[in-house]
Amino acid sequence: MQRYTFQRLTQIEILEGIKKNDPDILRWIYQEQYPKVEKYILSNQGSKEEAKDIFQEALVAVWKNIKNDLFKAENGTAISGYLYQIAKNKWVDHLRSSKFKRTVPFENYHEGLDEKVEEKESKLKEIESCFLNLGENCKELLTRFYYKKENMSVIAKALGWTVGTVRNNKYRCIQRLKEMLINKA
């Protein structure tokens, strides 16, 4: 006994209907399969218009493959699974394409950039001002650690401290710097 895919149609009837461009068969395919494809695309960053386009492309691909006898239905849901898989692959290709990637035109990239640069420069000047008001030990310790990228043991040897003292003093110096910045704001 043949299994019906679209209410009363078997896979063989659907294949034959597609080969003959039967409008009833094509309508059934749209009614039964489009909602699944649309749901997939909408849940994966797509729009209804994109879902319609992808479904149409997938249906044309299925139609061509059936017309050219490149597809054989092996079970009761083969056509619907085949159509869904083609649509899914086309959507993944679309997502990977350069057209989909949301890029900012180079002309618009500089908008607001000057304000950001000025804001950063202002913040850096504040930090530098507070840094200069730290004690000599803190300035030397932080300079060696952050700018010269020396490790704790090298700093400890240079300052005549233990590694633990360097670690504690570095923490205290950073806290002092943070407090100075907060009080300035």
N, C-alpha and C. Protein backbone atom coordinates (compact mmCIF):
# COMPACT_ATOMS: atom_id res chain seq x y z
N MET A 1 0.83 -1.19 0.00
CA MET A 1 0.00 0.00 0.00
C MET A 1 0.87 1.25 0.00
N GLN A 2 0.58 2.19 -0.87
CA GLN A 2 1.38 3.40 -0.96
C GLN A 2 1.01 4.37 0.15
N ARG A 3 2.01 5.09 0.61
CA ARG A 3 1.82 6.06 1.68
C ARG A 3 1.58 7.44 1.08
N TYR A 4 0.63 8.17 1.63
CA TYR A 4 0.28 9.49 1.12
C TYR A 4 1.04 10.58 1.86
N THR A 5 1.66 11.45 1.12
CA THR A 5 2.44 12.54 1.71
C THR A 5 1.58 13.78 1.89
N PHE A 6 0.92 14.22 0.84
CA PHE A 6 0.11 15.43 0.88
C PHE A 6 -1.35 15.00 0.79
N GLN A 7 -1.91 14.66 1.88
CA GLN A 7 -3.28 14.17 2.03
C GLN A 7 -3.51 12.95 1.15
N ARG A 8 -3.71 13.16 -0.12
CA ARG A 8 -4.10 12.03 -0.98
C ARG A 8 -3.04 11.69 -2.02
N LEU A 9 -1.86 12.25 -1.93
CA LEU A 9 -0.86 12.06 -2.98
C LEU A 9 0.32 11.21 -2.50
N THR A 10 0.72 10.27 -3.33
CA THR A 10 1.91 9.46 -3.04
C THR A 10 3.13 10.18 -3.58
N GLN A 11 4.29 9.70 -3.19
CA GLN A 11 5.54 10.29 -3.70
C GLN A 11 5.62 10.16 -5.22
N ILE A 12 5.15 9.06 -5.75
CA ILE A 12 5.18 8.84 -7.20
C ILE A 12 4.25 9.85 -7.89
N GLU A 13 3.06 10.06 -7.32
CA GLU A 13 2.13 11.03 -7.91
C GLU A 13 2.72 12.44 -7.86
N ILE A 14 3.38 12.75 -6.76
CA ILE A 14 4.01 14.08 -6.64
C ILE A 14 5.12 14.23 -7.67
N LEU A 15 5.95 13.20 -7.80
CA LEU A 15 7.04 13.26 -8.80
C LEU A 15 6.48 13.45 -10.20
N GLU A 16 5.46 12.68 -10.53
CA GLU A 16 4.84 12.80 -11.86
C GLU A 16 4.20 14.18 -12.03
N GLY A 17 3.54 14.66 -10.99
CA GLY A 17 2.90 15.98 -11.05
C GLY A 17 3.92 17.09 -11.25
N ILE A 18 5.07 16.97 -10.60
CA ILE A 18 6.13 17.99 -10.77
C ILE A 18 6.67 17.92 -12.19
N LYS A 19 6.89 16.73 -12.70
CA LYS A 19 7.40 16.59 -14.06
C LYS A 19 6.44 17.18 -15.08
N LYS A 20 5.12 17.10 -14.79
CA LYS A 20 4.10 17.63 -15.71
C LYS A 20 3.72 19.08 -15.39
N ASN A 21 4.37 19.67 -14.38
CA ASN A 21 4.05 21.03 -13.93
C ASN A 21 2.58 21.17 -13.52
N ASP A 22 2.08 20.17 -12.85
CA ASP A 22 0.69 20.17 -12.38
C ASP A 22 0.51 21.26 -11.33
N PRO A 23 -0.35 22.26 -11.59
CA PRO A 23 -0.52 23.37 -10.65
C PRO A 23 -1.07 22.92 -9.28
N ASP A 24 -1.89 21.89 -9.25
CA ASP A 24 -2.43 21.40 -7.97
C ASP A 24 -1.32 20.81 -7.10
N ILE A 25 -0.44 20.07 -7.73
CA ILE A 25 0.68 19.47 -6.99
C ILE A 25 1.60 20.58 -6.46
N LEU A 26 1.94 21.53 -7.30
CA LEU A 26 2.81 22.63 -6.88
C LEU A 26 2.17 23.45 -5.76
N ARG A 27 0.87 23.64 -5.84
CA ARG A 27 0.15 24.37 -4.79
C ARG A 27 0.24 23.59 -3.47
N TRP A 28 0.05 22.26 -3.53
CA TRP A 28 0.16 21.44 -2.33
C TRP A 28 1.56 21.54 -1.72
N ILE A 29 2.55 21.53 -2.56
CA ILE A 29 3.93 21.63 -2.05
C ILE A 29 4.10 22.95 -1.31
N TYR A 30 3.64 24.04 -1.93
CA TYR A 30 3.74 25.34 -1.26
C TYR A 30 3.00 25.33 0.07
N GLN A 31 1.78 24.85 0.07
CA GLN A 31 0.96 24.88 1.29
C GLN A 31 1.53 24.01 2.40
N GLU A 32 2.09 22.88 2.04
CA GLU A 32 2.58 21.94 3.04
C GLU A 32 4.02 22.20 3.48
N GLN A 33 4.85 22.67 2.58
CA GLN A 33 6.27 22.75 2.89
C GLN A 33 6.76 24.16 3.22
N TYR A 34 6.15 25.18 2.64
CA TYR A 34 6.63 26.53 2.88
C TYR A 34 6.64 26.91 4.37
N PRO A 35 5.60 26.62 5.15
CA PRO A 35 5.62 27.01 6.57
C PRO A 35 6.83 26.47 7.34
N LYS A 36 7.26 25.26 7.03
CA LYS A 36 8.42 24.67 7.70
C LYS A 36 9.70 25.44 7.37
N VAL A 37 9.85 25.76 6.09
CA VAL A 37 11.03 26.50 5.65
C VAL A 37 11.02 27.91 6.24
N GLU A 38 9.86 28.54 6.21
CA GLU A 38 9.74 29.89 6.77
C GLU A 38 10.10 29.90 8.26
N LYS A 39 9.59 28.93 8.99
CA LYS A 39 9.88 28.84 10.42
C LYS A 39 11.38 28.70 10.66
N TYR A 40 12.04 27.86 9.88
CA TYR A 40 13.47 27.65 10.02
C TYR A 40 14.23 28.96 9.76
N ILE A 41 13.90 29.64 8.69
CA ILE A 41 14.62 30.87 8.32
C ILE A 41 14.35 31.99 9.31
N LEU A 42 13.11 32.14 9.75
CA LEU A 42 12.80 33.17 10.73
C LEU A 42 13.52 32.92 12.06
N SER A 43 13.69 31.69 12.41
CA SER A 43 14.39 31.38 13.67
C SER A 43 15.91 31.44 13.52
N ASN A 44 16.38 31.68 12.31
CA ASN A 44 17.82 31.78 12.05
C ASN A 44 18.17 33.09 11.35
N GLN A 45 17.74 34.20 11.92
CA GLN A 45 18.11 35.55 11.50
C GLN A 45 17.55 35.97 10.15
N GLY A 46 16.49 35.36 9.70
CA GLY A 46 15.94 35.71 8.40
C GLY A 46 14.61 36.44 8.49
N SER A 47 14.15 36.92 7.34
CA SER A 47 12.87 37.61 7.25
C SER A 47 11.91 36.78 6.41
N LYS A 48 10.63 37.20 6.37
CA LYS A 48 9.64 36.48 5.57
C LYS A 48 9.99 36.57 4.08
N GLU A 49 10.48 37.72 3.65
CA GLU A 49 10.85 37.88 2.24
C GLU A 49 12.01 36.95 1.88
N GLU A 50 12.98 36.86 2.78
CA GLU A 50 14.11 35.97 2.52
C GLU A 50 13.63 34.51 2.51
N ALA A 51 12.70 34.19 3.38
CA ALA A 51 12.16 32.82 3.41
C ALA A 51 11.47 32.49 2.09
N LYS A 52 10.70 33.45 1.57
CA LYS A 52 10.03 33.23 0.28
C LYS A 52 11.05 33.01 -0.83
N ASP A 53 12.10 33.84 -0.85
CA ASP A 53 13.14 33.70 -1.88
C ASP A 53 13.85 32.35 -1.78
N ILE A 54 14.24 31.99 -0.58
CA ILE A 54 14.96 30.73 -0.39
C ILE A 54 14.06 29.55 -0.76
N PHE A 55 12.80 29.59 -0.35
CA PHE A 55 11.88 28.50 -0.69
C PHE A 55 11.74 28.38 -2.20
N GLN A 56 11.60 29.51 -2.86
CA GLN A 56 11.46 29.50 -4.32
C GLN A 56 12.70 28.90 -4.98
N GLU A 57 13.89 29.32 -4.52
CA GLU A 57 15.13 28.76 -5.08
C GLU A 57 15.21 27.26 -4.84
N ALA A 58 14.84 26.83 -3.63
CA ALA A 58 14.89 25.40 -3.31
C ALA A 58 13.90 24.62 -4.16
N LEU A 59 12.70 25.16 -4.33
CA LEU A 59 11.69 24.48 -5.13
C LEU A 59 12.14 24.36 -6.59
N VAL A 60 12.75 25.39 -7.11
CA VAL A 60 13.26 25.33 -8.49
C VAL A 60 14.35 24.27 -8.59
N ALA A 61 15.23 24.19 -7.59
CA ALA A 61 16.29 23.17 -7.61
C ALA A 61 15.69 21.76 -7.56
N VAL A 62 14.69 21.56 -6.70
CA VAL A 62 14.02 20.26 -6.63
C VAL A 62 13.33 19.96 -7.96
N TRP A 63 12.64 20.93 -8.48
CA TRP A 63 11.93 20.77 -9.76
C TRP A 63 12.90 20.34 -10.86
N LYS A 64 14.04 21.05 -10.97
CA LYS A 64 15.03 20.70 -12.01
C LYS A 64 15.56 19.28 -11.82
N ASN A 65 15.88 18.94 -10.57
CA ASN A 65 16.42 17.60 -10.31
C ASN A 65 15.41 16.51 -10.62
N ILE A 66 14.15 16.76 -10.32
CA ILE A 66 13.11 15.78 -10.64
C ILE A 66 12.91 15.69 -12.15
N LYS A 67 12.87 16.83 -12.83
CA LYS A 67 12.71 16.84 -14.29
C LYS A 67 13.83 16.09 -14.99
N ASN A 68 15.05 16.21 -14.44
CA ASN A 68 16.22 15.57 -15.05
C ASN A 68 16.47 14.17 -14.49
N ASP A 69 15.50 13.64 -13.77
CA ASP A 69 15.59 12.30 -13.16
C ASP A 69 16.82 12.13 -12.27
N LEU A 70 17.20 13.20 -11.56
CA LEU A 70 18.33 13.13 -10.64
C LEU A 70 17.87 12.82 -9.21
N PHE A 71 16.57 12.74 -9.01
CA PHE A 71 16.03 12.46 -7.68
C PHE A 71 15.06 11.29 -7.77
N LYS A 72 15.23 10.35 -6.86
CA LYS A 72 14.32 9.20 -6.76
C LYS A 72 13.79 9.17 -5.33
N ALA A 73 12.48 9.12 -5.18
CA ALA A 73 11.86 9.05 -3.85
C ALA A 73 12.05 7.66 -3.28
N GLU A 74 12.67 7.58 -2.11
CA GLU A 74 12.95 6.29 -1.50
C GLU A 74 12.02 5.98 -0.32
N ASN A 75 11.27 6.99 0.15
CA ASN A 75 10.33 6.74 1.24
C ASN A 75 9.15 7.71 1.11
N GLY A 76 8.24 7.64 2.05
CA GLY A 76 7.00 8.41 1.97
C GLY A 76 7.15 9.91 2.18
N THR A 77 8.30 10.34 2.68
CA THR A 77 8.50 11.79 2.90
C THR A 77 9.76 12.29 2.21
N ALA A 78 10.24 11.57 1.24
CA ALA A 78 11.50 11.90 0.59
C ALA A 78 11.50 13.29 -0.04
N ILE A 79 10.43 13.63 -0.74
CA ILE A 79 10.39 14.92 -1.44
C ILE A 79 10.39 16.07 -0.44
N SER A 80 9.57 15.97 0.61
CA SER A 80 9.51 17.06 1.58
C SER A 80 10.85 17.20 2.30
N GLY A 81 11.49 16.10 2.65
CA GLY A 81 12.80 16.16 3.30
C GLY A 81 13.86 16.74 2.38
N TYR A 82 13.79 16.35 1.12
CA TYR A 82 14.74 16.84 0.11
C TYR A 82 14.59 18.35 -0.08
N LEU A 83 13.36 18.80 -0.21
CA LEU A 83 13.09 20.22 -0.38
C LEU A 83 13.56 21.02 0.84
N TYR A 84 13.25 20.51 2.02
CA TYR A 84 13.64 21.19 3.26
C TYR A 84 15.16 21.27 3.37
N GLN A 85 15.86 20.19 3.05
CA GLN A 85 17.32 20.16 3.14
C GLN A 85 17.96 21.14 2.15
N ILE A 86 17.43 21.21 0.95
CA ILE A 86 17.96 22.16 -0.03
C ILE A 86 17.75 23.59 0.45
N ALA A 87 16.55 23.88 0.97
CA ALA A 87 16.26 25.22 1.49
C ALA A 87 17.20 25.56 2.65
N LYS A 88 17.39 24.61 3.53
CA LYS A 88 18.27 24.82 4.68
C LYS A 88 19.70 25.11 4.22
N ASN A 89 20.20 24.33 3.27
CA ASN A 89 21.55 24.54 2.75
C ASN A 89 21.68 25.89 2.06
N LYS A 90 20.65 26.28 1.31
CA LYS A 90 20.68 27.58 0.65
C LYS A 90 20.70 28.70 1.68
N TRP A 91 19.97 28.54 2.78
CA TRP A 91 19.96 29.57 3.82
C TRP A 91 21.33 29.67 4.50
N VAL A 92 21.93 28.53 4.78
CA VAL A 92 23.26 28.54 5.40
C VAL A 92 24.26 29.22 4.45
N ASP A 93 24.18 28.92 3.17
CA ASP A 93 25.05 29.59 2.19
C ASP A 93 24.82 31.09 2.20
N HIS A 94 23.56 31.49 2.30
CA HIS A 94 23.23 32.92 2.35
C HIS A 94 23.84 33.58 3.58
N LEU A 95 23.74 32.91 4.72
CA LEU A 95 24.30 33.47 5.96
C LEU A 95 25.81 33.61 5.88
N ARG A 96 26.45 32.72 5.17
CA ARG A 96 27.92 32.76 5.04
C ARG A 96 28.38 33.76 3.97
N SER A 97 27.46 34.19 3.12
CA SER A 97 27.84 35.05 2.01
C SER A 97 28.21 36.45 2.48
N SER A 98 28.98 37.13 1.67
CA SER A 98 29.40 38.49 2.02
C SER A 98 28.22 39.46 1.96
N LYS A 99 27.19 39.14 1.17
CA LYS A 99 26.02 40.02 1.09
C LYS A 99 25.29 40.09 2.43
N PHE A 100 25.29 38.98 3.17
CA PHE A 100 24.55 38.94 4.43
C PHE A 100 25.30 39.66 5.54
N LYS A 101 26.62 39.58 5.50
CA LYS A 101 27.40 40.17 6.58
C LYS A 101 27.11 41.66 6.66
N ARG A 102 26.74 42.07 7.83
CA ARG A 102 26.37 43.47 8.05
C ARG A 102 27.65 44.29 8.23
N THR A 103 28.07 44.95 7.17
CA THR A 103 29.27 45.76 7.24
C THR A 103 28.90 47.23 7.20
N VAL A 104 29.76 48.03 7.78
CA VAL A 104 29.56 49.47 7.78
C VAL A 104 30.36 50.03 6.62
N PRO A 105 29.73 50.83 5.74
CA PRO A 105 30.49 51.43 4.66
C PRO A 105 31.64 52.26 5.22
N PHE A 106 32.76 52.25 4.54
CA PHE A 106 33.95 52.94 5.01
C PHE A 106 33.69 54.42 5.25
N GLU A 107 32.85 55.03 4.41
CA GLU A 107 32.56 56.46 4.57
C GLU A 107 31.90 56.73 5.92
N ASN A 108 31.04 55.81 6.36
CA ASN A 108 30.31 55.99 7.62
C ASN A 108 31.12 55.56 8.84
N TYR A 109 32.21 54.87 8.61
CA TYR A 109 33.00 54.35 9.71
C TYR A 109 33.56 55.48 10.57
N HIS A 110 33.94 56.56 9.95
CA HIS A 110 34.58 57.66 10.67
C HIS A 110 33.60 58.52 11.45
N GLU A 111 32.29 58.35 11.20
CA GLU A 111 31.32 59.14 11.93
C GLU A 111 31.40 58.77 13.41
N GLY A 112 31.60 59.76 14.23
CA GLY A 112 31.67 59.55 15.67
C GLY A 112 33.03 59.07 16.14
N LEU A 113 33.93 58.77 15.22
CA LEU A 113 35.24 58.28 15.60
C LEU A 113 36.06 59.37 16.27
N ASP A 114 35.95 60.60 15.77
CA ASP A 114 36.69 61.70 16.37
C ASP A 114 36.31 61.91 17.82
N GLU A 115 35.01 61.82 18.11
CA GLU A 115 34.56 61.98 19.50
C GLU A 115 35.13 60.88 20.38
N LYS A 116 35.15 59.67 19.86
CA LYS A 116 35.68 58.55 20.63
C LYS A 116 37.17 58.73 20.90
N VAL A 117 37.91 59.19 19.89
CA VAL A 117 39.34 59.42 20.06
C VAL A 117 39.57 60.52 21.09
N GLU A 118 38.82 61.60 20.99
CA GLU A 118 38.96 62.69 21.95
C GLU A 118 38.61 62.23 23.36
N GLU A 119 37.58 61.41 23.47
CA GLU A 119 37.17 60.89 24.78
C GLU A 119 38.28 60.02 25.37
N LYS A 120 38.89 59.17 24.55
CA LYS A 120 39.97 58.31 25.02
C LYS A 120 41.18 59.14 25.43
N GLU A 121 41.50 60.13 24.61
CA GLU A 121 42.65 60.99 24.93
C GLU A 121 42.43 61.73 26.24
N SER A 122 41.22 62.20 26.45
CA SER A 122 40.88 62.90 27.69
C SER A 122 41.03 61.96 28.89
N LYS A 123 40.55 60.74 28.75
CA LYS A 123 40.66 59.75 29.82
C LYS A 123 42.12 59.41 30.10
N LEU A 124 42.90 59.27 29.05
CA LEU A 124 44.33 58.98 29.23
C LEU A 124 45.04 60.12 29.95
N LYS A 125 44.68 61.34 29.64
CA LYS A 125 45.29 62.50 30.32
C LYS A 125 44.93 62.49 31.80
N GLU A 126 43.70 62.12 32.13
CA GLU A 126 43.29 62.01 33.52
C GLU A 126 44.11 60.96 34.25
N ILE A 127 44.27 59.80 33.60
CA ILE A 127 45.04 58.71 34.21
C ILE A 127 46.49 59.14 34.40
N GLU A 128 47.06 59.79 33.37
CA GLU A 128 48.44 60.26 33.46
C GLU A 128 48.62 61.27 34.59
N SER A 129 47.68 62.18 34.73
CA SER A 129 47.73 63.18 35.79
C SER A 129 47.69 62.51 37.16
N CYS A 130 46.79 61.56 37.34
CA CYS A 130 46.72 60.84 38.61
C CYS A 130 47.96 60.00 38.84
N PHE A 131 48.48 59.38 37.78
CA PHE A 131 49.69 58.57 37.89
C PHE A 131 50.87 59.41 38.38
N LEU A 132 51.00 60.64 37.85
CA LEU A 132 52.10 61.51 38.26
C LEU A 132 51.99 61.93 39.72
N ASN A 133 50.80 61.87 40.29
CA ASN A 133 50.60 62.23 41.69
C ASN A 133 50.79 61.05 42.65
N LEU A 134 51.09 59.87 42.11
CA LEU A 134 51.39 58.72 42.96
C LEU A 134 52.79 58.89 43.54
N GLY A 135 53.08 58.13 44.57
CA GLY A 135 54.43 58.16 45.13
C GLY A 135 55.44 57.55 44.17
N GLU A 136 56.72 57.81 44.44
CA GLU A 136 57.79 57.33 43.55
C GLU A 136 57.80 55.80 43.46
N ASN A 137 57.64 55.10 44.59
CA ASN A 137 57.65 53.64 44.56
C ASN A 137 56.52 53.10 43.68
N CYS A 138 55.32 53.68 43.81
CA CYS A 138 54.19 53.23 42.99
C CYS A 138 54.47 53.49 41.51
N LYS A 139 54.96 54.67 41.19
CA LYS A 139 55.24 54.99 39.77
C LYS A 139 56.26 54.02 39.20
N GLU A 140 57.33 53.75 39.95
CA GLU A 140 58.35 52.84 39.44
C GLU A 140 57.81 51.43 39.30
N LEU A 141 57.09 50.96 40.32
CA LEU A 141 56.53 49.61 40.29
C LEU A 141 55.58 49.43 39.11
N LEU A 142 54.64 50.35 38.94
CA LEU A 142 53.66 50.23 37.85
C LEU A 142 54.32 50.39 36.48
N THR A 143 55.31 51.28 36.39
CA THR A 143 56.03 51.46 35.12
C THR A 143 56.76 50.18 34.74
N ARG A 144 57.45 49.60 35.69
CA ARG A 144 58.19 48.37 35.41
C ARG A 144 57.24 47.23 35.01
N PHE A 145 56.11 47.12 35.72
CA PHE A 145 55.20 46.01 35.46
C PHE A 145 54.41 46.19 34.17
N TYR A 146 53.80 47.37 33.97
CA TYR A 146 52.90 47.55 32.83
C TYR A 146 53.58 48.05 31.56
N TYR A 147 54.59 48.87 31.68
CA TYR A 147 55.21 49.43 30.47
C TYR A 147 56.45 48.66 30.05
N LYS A 148 57.26 48.29 31.03
CA LYS A 148 58.48 47.54 30.69
C LYS A 148 58.23 46.03 30.64
N LYS A 149 57.03 45.61 31.12
CA LYS A 149 56.60 44.21 31.09
C LYS A 149 57.56 43.29 31.86
N GLU A 150 58.13 43.81 32.95
CA GLU A 150 59.01 42.99 33.77
C GLU A 150 58.15 42.10 34.66
N ASN A 151 58.66 40.90 34.97
CA ASN A 151 57.90 40.01 35.85
C ASN A 151 58.16 40.37 37.31
N MET A 152 57.38 39.79 38.19
CA MET A 152 57.42 40.13 39.61
C MET A 152 58.80 39.90 40.24
N SER A 153 59.45 38.82 39.87
CA SER A 153 60.76 38.52 40.49
C SER A 153 61.82 39.53 40.07
N VAL A 154 61.79 39.99 38.82
CA VAL A 154 62.75 41.00 38.36
C VAL A 154 62.52 42.32 39.10
N ILE A 155 61.25 42.69 39.26
CA ILE A 155 60.91 43.92 39.97
C ILE A 155 61.33 43.81 41.44
N ALA A 156 61.07 42.65 42.04
CA ALA A 156 61.44 42.43 43.45
C ALA A 156 62.94 42.59 43.64
N LYS A 157 63.71 42.02 42.74
CA LYS A 157 65.18 42.12 42.84
C LYS A 157 65.64 43.56 42.69
N ALA A 158 65.05 44.29 41.72
CA ALA A 158 65.45 45.67 41.46
C ALA A 158 65.10 46.59 42.63
N LEU A 159 63.98 46.33 43.30
CA LEU A 159 63.54 47.20 44.38
C LEU A 159 63.96 46.69 45.77
N GLY A 160 64.56 45.50 45.80
CA GLY A 160 65.00 44.94 47.07
C GLY A 160 63.84 44.44 47.92
N TRP A 161 62.77 44.00 47.27
CA TRP A 161 61.59 43.50 47.96
C TRP A 161 61.43 42.01 47.69
N THR A 162 60.48 41.39 48.38
CA THR A 162 60.11 40.01 48.05
C THR A 162 59.04 40.06 46.95
N VAL A 163 58.81 38.94 46.31
CA VAL A 163 57.79 38.87 45.26
C VAL A 163 56.42 39.15 45.87
N GLY A 164 56.16 38.67 47.06
CA GLY A 164 54.89 38.92 47.74
C GLY A 164 54.69 40.41 48.02
N THR A 165 55.76 41.09 48.40
CA THR A 165 55.67 42.54 48.66
C THR A 165 55.38 43.28 47.36
N VAL A 166 55.99 42.86 46.28
CA VAL A 166 55.74 43.49 44.97
C VAL A 166 54.27 43.32 44.61
N ARG A 167 53.76 42.11 44.79
CA ARG A 167 52.37 41.82 44.44
C ARG A 167 51.42 42.69 45.28
N ASN A 168 51.65 42.74 46.59
CA ASN A 168 50.80 43.54 47.47
C ASN A 168 50.88 45.03 47.15
N ASN A 169 52.10 45.53 46.93
CA ASN A 169 52.26 46.95 46.63
C ASN A 169 51.65 47.31 45.28
N LYS A 170 51.75 46.42 44.32
CA LYS A 170 51.14 46.67 43.01
C LYS A 170 49.63 46.81 43.17
N TYR A 171 49.04 45.93 43.94
CA TYR A 171 47.60 46.00 44.20
C TYR A 171 47.24 47.32 44.88
N ARG A 172 48.00 47.69 45.89
CA ARG A 172 47.72 48.94 46.62
C ARG A 172 47.87 50.16 45.71
N CYS A 173 48.89 50.14 44.86
CA CYS A 173 49.12 51.27 43.95
C CYS A 173 47.97 51.41 42.95
N ILE A 174 47.52 50.29 42.43
CA ILE A 174 46.40 50.31 41.49
C ILE A 174 45.15 50.83 42.20
N GLN A 175 44.92 50.40 43.43
CA GLN A 175 43.75 50.87 44.19
C GLN A 175 43.84 52.39 44.42
N ARG A 176 45.03 52.87 44.76
CA ARG A 176 45.21 54.31 44.96
C ARG A 176 44.92 55.08 43.67
N LEU A 177 45.40 54.55 42.56
CA LEU A 177 45.17 55.19 41.27
C LEU A 177 43.68 55.22 40.95
N LYS A 178 42.99 54.13 41.19
CA LYS A 178 41.55 54.07 40.96
C LYS A 178 40.80 55.08 41.81
N GLU A 179 41.19 55.17 43.10
CA GLU A 179 40.55 56.13 44.00
C GLU A 179 40.75 57.56 43.51
N MET A 180 41.95 57.85 43.05
CA MET A 180 42.24 59.20 42.54
C MET A 180 41.37 59.51 41.32
N LEU A 181 41.19 58.53 40.45
CA LEU A 181 40.37 58.72 39.25
C LEU A 181 38.91 58.91 39.61
N ILE A 182 38.42 58.13 40.58
CA ILE A 182 37.03 58.27 41.01
C ILE A 182 36.79 59.63 41.63
N ASN A 183 37.73 60.08 42.45
CA ASN A 183 37.58 61.38 43.11
C ASN A 183 37.64 62.54 42.11
N LYS A 184 38.33 62.32 40.99
CA LYS A 184 38.42 63.37 39.95
C LYS A 184 37.13 63.49 39.18
N ALA A 185 36.41 62.40 39.05
CA ALA A 185 35.21 62.36 38.22
C ALA A 185 34.04 63.06 38.82
